[in-house]
Structure formats: structure tokens, C-alpha cells
């Protein structure tokens, strides 16, 4: 009997556990061992009759177990897969019995394919790909490592995905050709319900019929530190910066009350940005902040205080100001020279003084 552990005990993790049980019911030699979750509040609990353990506990209790990733976010999944591999775990691919596919499909290690999917012919899936419920994948599609399709995505023939691409629920990608495949670049996010008709090199796309991100659009967002706000390889060799209270970092940005700052993985903060974390500032993974920005958890002018949270993958354009108590949602964009004094929802673009949503730019996640 092969023991299986699910890394992640949230929604998709529990769905992955059901997938393992479905495979077991069809005669595979699998036995669910446990969930693994880094959230200490979940450890020691029972979810759907399955115990939740830390990575270290699971390694001791089930040293021979194979892992299935239950993390939907591609960037976080990559980070946790690498963490599990360093701990000595290996991953197994898991394919629901009600998946239809030809024998001309190449599947990488750790890939998860849920119920109701149809994959035709001459398809290549990289490592740790996730294809959620009821998707269709046409001929000659290539998916790079950590590509993720939400439920109900339809991919036509000759579409090539880079690494860590996320495609939202119900999106449709039309076909490319053998000579000119439709290409989706590394780390691109395609919102729910989008209809993709041409290649996308970079960025976050949402709503029906996305249009190309032109040069003047990038200028509106403002340049971030390094070689530009939309380059996907600037995080090569990234390390957590050394932060001393009220002193410039190596990258020439400053924090006051550094002990109240939570800084995420592969963040990008521009030169001469100032962060006052007296009442708490949380900057999640992959957040980009342009140069000369200000993030305040306290304002002495009007005596406002409150924690600030910049959620995963949001982007703050150069010379923008974030006021106390504000939360910037996942994948949100704040245009350059903006004054943000209220929360910004997920997948929304705002700009101005005060910052307001830009008509037609809200993105469905």
C-alpha cells in the first residue's frame, strides 16, 4: 500500500484528498496518510477524517509517503514543493479515473488532473501542473511547470504555456498554429471568463477579450526597482534583505519599526520608498512597490492609525502613498502618483488622488 500525504489542508487540498480516495476506489494501491500544512492553527486537527501535521511530523510518521500538492497558487506551490523536496519527500502524479485522454499525453511528476477533464493528443504537461474540474485540452498543447487551470477552462490546439501560469475559471484560449503557437508567458495570470485570442508575454489579464499591454500602459503603472516592473526574471537569486531600523537597505529603501513589518517572499521594493510599520505592515509574496513610495500605518497629521496589508502579487506604482488601515488586494494595481486612503479589492486597478477604480480595468479573478 502506497501512503499518500496532501501538502495543504485548505480547499483544493481537501479536493485532492477526495481525488486520491477516488483513485483508491478504482483499485489503485493508495492510502491517505495525512494532510501537511504549515499553518500551526491547523496542525493537530482532523479535516474530513484526515489528521493535519507539520512537514517535520509527517516526515517522521510517514517517511515512505509520496506527496500530492494541494496548493492552487503556482508561486506558493513551487516554494512549498521545493521545501518538501529538501525535507526528503517525493511527489506522485494523480489522475482521476473519469479523465479521458489519449496515450499521446506526457505527464510530469506531481501533476494533478481532476474529474471530468478531456485531453486529446500530443500534449506535454510539465511538473506540478494542476488541471481542475471539467477542462478540455486540445492537441499539441504544452504546459510548463506549475501551470494551473481553474475549473471549466477550455484550451484549443497549439497553445504553449510558460511556467507558473494561472488561468481562472471558465477562461477560453483559442488555437494557435504549428508555425505560430499561441504563447502564454511565465507567471501570467488570466482572469475568470477571459477569452484569449493572442499571445500574452506578461502581466495579469481579466474580463472578456483582453487587449495587449502596450508601452504607455506600463508607463502609467510606473517603473519599479531593477530593470522594470514587468520583467519575470528579476527575482533570480532573490534573498530576504537585511533591514536595520530607520536605515537604508542595500536597495535604498527604509523601514521604521522594522519588528512590525512582515515581508513576503520575492518582494520588489523600489529605491527611496519609506515604510512606517509602527502599527503593522504586511507585504505578502511577490508584491512590487515602485520607487519613492510611502506606506504609513500611522499618520500624525490626522491621527489615523491602523495596519496596512499589501496582498500577494499586488503592484504599487512609483511615488504612490498608502495610508493607515488600507488593504491592497491580490493582483491589484495602483497607478503611479496615487493617494490610496481606502481598501482596493482583489484584481482591481486604481489611480489618482484619491485613488479610484479605472473604468474597464477591474479584473475578475
Foldseek 3Di string as FASTA:
>chain_A
DAEEEEEDDDDQSVVVVVLQVQVVVVPDPYDYAAYEYPPPVQAQDADPNHHYHHLVVCCVVPVRHAYAYSDQQLVVSVVVVVVSVVVPHHHAEGEHPQEAEDPQEAEEGREYEDHQEYEYHNEYEYHNEYEDHNEYHEHCEYEEASEYEYPQEYEYEQEYEYGREYEEANEYEYADDPVGTAYEAHPEYEFHPEYHDHHAHWAYHFDYDGDHCDPVNQVQLAAAPDPGDTDDCPCVVPDDWDADAQDATPQAEHEHPCVQEAAEASETHHHHEYEYQPQHEYEYPQETEHHQEYEDQADPVVGHHAYEYEDANEYHHANEYHYHPEYEEASEGETHNEYEDHYHYHQFYWYDDPTDTDPPRRGHD
